[in-house]
Amino acid sequence: SHYIKEGNNQMILATDGKFNFYSEDEKKFIAQQENHPIVMSVIGFGDDREAIKNLKEIAEKGKGSFMHIKKKTNLDEILMNEIKDRSRRN
C-alpha cells in the first residue's frame, strides 16, 4: 500500500532465527514483483546454519542482499550502506 512508482521500494527483514517463506508466499511475492518491484534484503542474527541458509535464499529471491550480523558493532553503518547501495539514483 506504500509502493512508490519509480521510487526506491525496499523491504528489509531482520530476524534472529528461522523465517518461513512458504511456496505460496513466494508465488505471491513473485507475482507482485511484475507490477510493483520491491528489493527485499535480509539481516540475520545468530549462528544457526540452517536459518542462515534459509535467509540467504530469501534474500536471493528478493534480489537483495544477505547481511549476517554477529556483533552489534557497526549495525547502523551496514544498514545504511545497504539502503544506499540498493537505491536508484536519478
N, C-alpha and C. Protein backbone atom coordinates (compact mmCIF):
# COMPACT_ATOMS: atom_id res chain seq x y z
N SER A 1 0.82 -1.20 0.00
CA SER A 1 0.00 0.00 0.00
C SER A 1 0.86 1.27 0.00
N HIS A 2 2.14 1.15 0.34
CA HIS A 2 3.03 2.32 0.37
C HIS A 2 3.99 2.33 -0.81
N TYR A 3 3.69 1.55 -1.84
CA TYR A 3 4.55 1.46 -3.01
C TYR A 3 4.61 2.81 -3.72
N ILE A 4 5.81 3.19 -4.13
CA ILE A 4 6.01 4.44 -4.85
C ILE A 4 6.51 4.10 -6.26
N LYS A 5 5.68 4.40 -7.25
CA LYS A 5 6.06 4.13 -8.63
C LYS A 5 7.33 4.92 -8.95
N GLU A 6 8.29 4.23 -9.57
CA GLU A 6 9.59 4.81 -9.92
C GLU A 6 10.39 5.21 -8.67
N GLY A 7 10.00 4.71 -7.51
CA GLY A 7 10.70 5.05 -6.27
C GLY A 7 11.67 3.96 -5.86
N ASN A 8 12.27 4.15 -4.71
CA ASN A 8 13.18 3.18 -4.11
C ASN A 8 12.40 2.33 -3.13
N ASN A 9 11.79 1.29 -3.62
CA ASN A 9 10.95 0.43 -2.79
C ASN A 9 11.79 -0.73 -2.28
N GLN A 10 12.02 -0.71 -0.99
CA GLN A 10 12.85 -1.72 -0.35
C GLN A 10 12.15 -2.29 0.88
N MET A 11 12.41 -3.56 1.12
CA MET A 11 11.93 -4.20 2.33
C MET A 11 13.15 -4.84 2.98
N ILE A 12 13.29 -4.63 4.27
CA ILE A 12 14.41 -5.23 5.00
C ILE A 12 13.83 -6.09 6.11
N LEU A 13 14.16 -7.38 6.02
CA LEU A 13 13.72 -8.36 7.01
C LEU A 13 14.89 -8.58 7.96
N ALA A 14 14.67 -8.37 9.24
CA ALA A 14 15.69 -8.61 10.25
C ALA A 14 15.15 -9.65 11.22
N THR A 15 15.90 -10.73 11.39
CA THR A 15 15.43 -11.81 12.25
C THR A 15 16.60 -12.52 12.91
N ASP A 16 16.33 -13.13 14.04
CA ASP A 16 17.37 -13.89 14.74
C ASP A 16 17.13 -15.39 14.64
N GLY A 17 16.27 -15.79 13.75
CA GLY A 17 16.00 -17.22 13.64
C GLY A 17 15.43 -17.58 12.30
N LYS A 18 14.81 -18.73 12.26
CA LYS A 18 14.24 -19.22 11.01
C LYS A 18 13.01 -18.38 10.66
N PHE A 19 12.93 -18.04 9.42
CA PHE A 19 11.80 -17.28 8.91
C PHE A 19 11.25 -18.06 7.73
N ASN A 20 10.03 -18.46 7.82
CA ASN A 20 9.43 -19.28 6.77
C ASN A 20 8.93 -18.43 5.61
N PHE A 21 9.41 -18.75 4.44
CA PHE A 21 8.98 -18.12 3.20
C PHE A 21 8.39 -19.25 2.37
N TYR A 22 7.15 -19.59 2.69
CA TYR A 22 6.49 -20.74 2.09
C TYR A 22 6.31 -20.53 0.58
N SER A 23 6.13 -21.62 -0.14
CA SER A 23 6.00 -21.54 -1.59
C SER A 23 4.83 -20.65 -2.00
N GLU A 24 3.76 -20.64 -1.22
CA GLU A 24 2.62 -19.76 -1.51
C GLU A 24 3.01 -18.29 -1.33
N ASP A 25 3.81 -18.00 -0.31
CA ASP A 25 4.32 -16.64 -0.10
C ASP A 25 5.23 -16.23 -1.25
N GLU A 26 6.08 -17.16 -1.67
CA GLU A 26 6.99 -16.89 -2.78
C GLU A 26 6.23 -16.59 -4.06
N LYS A 27 5.19 -17.36 -4.34
CA LYS A 27 4.38 -17.13 -5.55
C LYS A 27 3.74 -15.74 -5.52
N LYS A 28 3.21 -15.35 -4.37
CA LYS A 28 2.60 -14.02 -4.23
C LYS A 28 3.64 -12.92 -4.42
N PHE A 29 4.81 -13.11 -3.84
CA PHE A 29 5.88 -12.12 -3.95
C PHE A 29 6.33 -11.96 -5.40
N ILE A 30 6.53 -13.08 -6.09
CA ILE A 30 6.95 -13.03 -7.49
C ILE A 30 5.89 -12.37 -8.37
N ALA A 31 4.63 -12.70 -8.15
CA ALA A 31 3.54 -12.10 -8.92
C ALA A 31 3.49 -10.59 -8.70
N GLN A 32 3.67 -10.17 -7.50
CA GLN A 32 3.64 -8.75 -7.16
C GLN A 32 4.83 -8.01 -7.76
N GLN A 33 5.94 -8.71 -7.95
CA GLN A 33 7.15 -8.08 -8.49
C GLN A 33 6.96 -7.59 -9.92
N GLU A 34 6.04 -8.18 -10.66
CA GLU A 34 5.83 -7.78 -12.05
C GLU A 34 5.36 -6.34 -12.16
N ASN A 35 4.44 -5.92 -11.31
CA ASN A 35 3.88 -4.57 -11.39
C ASN A 35 4.42 -3.62 -10.33
N HIS A 36 4.90 -4.18 -9.23
CA HIS A 36 5.38 -3.37 -8.11
C HIS A 36 6.67 -3.97 -7.55
N PRO A 37 7.78 -3.84 -8.29
CA PRO A 37 9.02 -4.46 -7.82
C PRO A 37 9.53 -3.84 -6.52
N ILE A 38 9.92 -4.73 -5.62
CA ILE A 38 10.47 -4.34 -4.33
C ILE A 38 11.72 -5.18 -4.09
N VAL A 39 12.79 -4.55 -3.66
CA VAL A 39 14.00 -5.25 -3.28
C VAL A 39 13.83 -5.71 -1.84
N MET A 40 14.09 -6.99 -1.58
CA MET A 40 13.99 -7.49 -0.22
C MET A 40 15.37 -7.97 0.24
N SER A 41 15.95 -7.27 1.19
CA SER A 41 17.22 -7.67 1.79
C SER A 41 16.94 -8.26 3.16
N VAL A 42 17.88 -9.07 3.63
CA VAL A 42 17.69 -9.78 4.88
C VAL A 42 18.89 -9.59 5.79
N ILE A 43 18.60 -9.27 7.05
CA ILE A 43 19.63 -9.21 8.08
C ILE A 43 19.40 -10.40 9.00
N GLY A 44 20.41 -11.23 9.15
CA GLY A 44 20.31 -12.40 10.01
C GLY A 44 21.23 -12.27 11.21
N PHE A 45 20.68 -12.53 12.38
CA PHE A 45 21.44 -12.51 13.62
C PHE A 45 21.60 -13.94 14.11
N GLY A 46 22.73 -14.26 14.70
CA GLY A 46 22.92 -15.59 15.27
C GLY A 46 23.74 -16.49 14.38
N ASP A 47 23.87 -17.75 14.80
CA ASP A 47 24.75 -18.68 14.11
C ASP A 47 24.09 -20.00 13.71
N ASP A 48 22.77 -20.05 13.66
CA ASP A 48 22.06 -21.26 13.25
C ASP A 48 22.28 -21.45 11.74
N ARG A 49 23.06 -22.45 11.37
CA ARG A 49 23.43 -22.64 9.96
C ARG A 49 22.22 -22.84 9.05
N GLU A 50 21.26 -23.60 9.51
CA GLU A 50 20.06 -23.84 8.70
C GLU A 50 19.28 -22.54 8.50
N ALA A 51 19.16 -21.75 9.56
CA ALA A 51 18.46 -20.47 9.46
C ALA A 51 19.20 -19.52 8.52
N ILE A 52 20.53 -19.47 8.62
CA ILE A 52 21.33 -18.60 7.76
C ILE A 52 21.16 -18.99 6.30
N LYS A 53 21.18 -20.29 6.01
CA LYS A 53 20.99 -20.77 4.64
C LYS A 53 19.62 -20.34 4.12
N ASN A 54 18.59 -20.52 4.92
CA ASN A 54 17.23 -20.13 4.55
C ASN A 54 17.14 -18.62 4.29
N LEU A 55 17.74 -17.83 5.14
CA LEU A 55 17.69 -16.37 4.99
C LEU A 55 18.44 -15.91 3.74
N LYS A 56 19.55 -16.57 3.42
CA LYS A 56 20.29 -16.24 2.19
C LYS A 56 19.41 -16.50 0.96
N GLU A 57 18.68 -17.60 0.98
CA GLU A 57 17.79 -17.94 -0.14
C GLU A 57 16.68 -16.90 -0.28
N ILE A 58 16.14 -16.43 0.82
CA ILE A 58 15.10 -15.41 0.77
C ILE A 58 15.65 -14.12 0.16
N ALA A 59 16.85 -13.73 0.56
CA ALA A 59 17.48 -12.52 0.00
C ALA A 59 17.69 -12.67 -1.50
N GLU A 60 18.13 -13.84 -1.95
CA GLU A 60 18.33 -14.07 -3.38
C GLU A 60 17.02 -13.94 -4.14
N LYS A 61 15.98 -14.55 -3.62
CA LYS A 61 14.66 -14.48 -4.27
C LYS A 61 14.14 -13.05 -4.30
N GLY A 62 14.52 -12.26 -3.32
CA GLY A 62 14.09 -10.87 -3.25
C GLY A 62 15.01 -9.91 -3.97
N LYS A 63 16.03 -10.47 -4.66
CA LYS A 63 17.01 -9.66 -5.40
C LYS A 63 17.68 -8.62 -4.50
N GLY A 64 17.85 -9.01 -3.25
CA GLY A 64 18.50 -8.14 -2.28
C GLY A 64 19.78 -8.77 -1.78
N SER A 65 20.23 -8.31 -0.65
CA SER A 65 21.46 -8.79 -0.04
C SER A 65 21.15 -9.55 1.24
N PHE A 66 22.07 -10.40 1.62
CA PHE A 66 22.01 -11.03 2.93
C PHE A 66 23.16 -10.47 3.75
N MET A 67 22.84 -9.99 4.93
CA MET A 67 23.85 -9.45 5.84
C MET A 67 23.81 -10.26 7.12
N HIS A 68 24.91 -10.93 7.44
CA HIS A 68 24.99 -11.75 8.64
C HIS A 68 25.66 -10.91 9.73
N ILE A 69 24.92 -10.63 10.78
CA ILE A 69 25.42 -9.80 11.87
C ILE A 69 25.75 -10.72 13.05
N LYS A 70 27.01 -10.68 13.46
CA LYS A 70 27.43 -11.49 14.60
C LYS A 70 27.60 -10.65 15.85
N LYS A 71 27.86 -9.38 15.66
CA LYS A 71 28.02 -8.46 16.78
C LYS A 71 27.23 -7.20 16.48
N LYS A 72 26.85 -6.48 17.51
CA LYS A 72 26.06 -5.26 17.31
C LYS A 72 26.89 -4.10 16.77
N THR A 73 28.20 -4.22 16.76
CA THR A 73 29.03 -3.14 16.27
C THR A 73 28.71 -2.84 14.82
N ASN A 74 28.74 -1.62 14.45
CA ASN A 74 28.53 -1.04 13.12
C ASN A 74 27.27 -1.50 12.40
N LEU A 75 26.25 -1.92 13.14
CA LEU A 75 24.98 -2.33 12.54
C LEU A 75 24.35 -1.18 11.76
N ASP A 76 24.35 0.02 12.33
CA ASP A 76 23.78 1.19 11.64
C ASP A 76 24.48 1.44 10.31
N GLU A 77 25.79 1.32 10.30
CA GLU A 77 26.56 1.55 9.08
C GLU A 77 26.23 0.50 8.02
N ILE A 78 26.13 -0.74 8.41
CA ILE A 78 25.80 -1.83 7.48
C ILE A 78 24.43 -1.59 6.87
N LEU A 79 23.47 -1.24 7.68
CA LEU A 79 22.10 -1.00 7.21
C LEU A 79 22.05 0.21 6.27
N MET A 80 22.70 1.28 6.62
CA MET A 80 22.70 2.47 5.76
C MET A 80 23.39 2.20 4.43
N ASN A 81 24.47 1.44 4.44
CA ASN A 81 25.16 1.10 3.19
C ASN A 81 24.27 0.24 2.29
N GLU A 82 23.52 -0.67 2.87
CA GLU A 82 22.60 -1.50 2.08
C GLU A 82 21.53 -0.63 1.42
N ILE A 83 20.96 0.26 2.18
CA ILE A 83 19.92 1.14 1.62
C ILE A 83 20.50 2.00 0.50
N LYS A 84 21.67 2.55 0.70
CA LYS A 84 22.31 3.37 -0.33
C LYS A 84 22.64 2.55 -1.57
N ASP A 85 23.20 1.35 -1.36
CA ASP A 85 23.58 0.51 -2.50
C ASP A 85 22.40 0.07 -3.34
N ARG A 86 21.25 -0.12 -2.70
CA ARG A 86 20.06 -0.61 -3.42
C ARG A 86 19.17 0.51 -3.94
N SER A 87 19.50 1.74 -3.63
CA SER A 87 18.67 2.87 -4.05
C SER A 87 18.99 3.26 -5.48
N ARG A 88 17.95 3.60 -6.22
CA ARG A 88 18.12 4.13 -7.58
C ARG A 88 18.60 5.56 -7.48
N ARG A 89 19.50 5.87 -8.33
CA ARG A 89 19.98 7.25 -8.37
C ARG A 89 19.43 7.91 -9.62
N ASN A 90 18.83 9.05 -9.48
CA ASN A 90 18.25 9.75 -10.64
C ASN A 90 19.24 10.69 -11.25
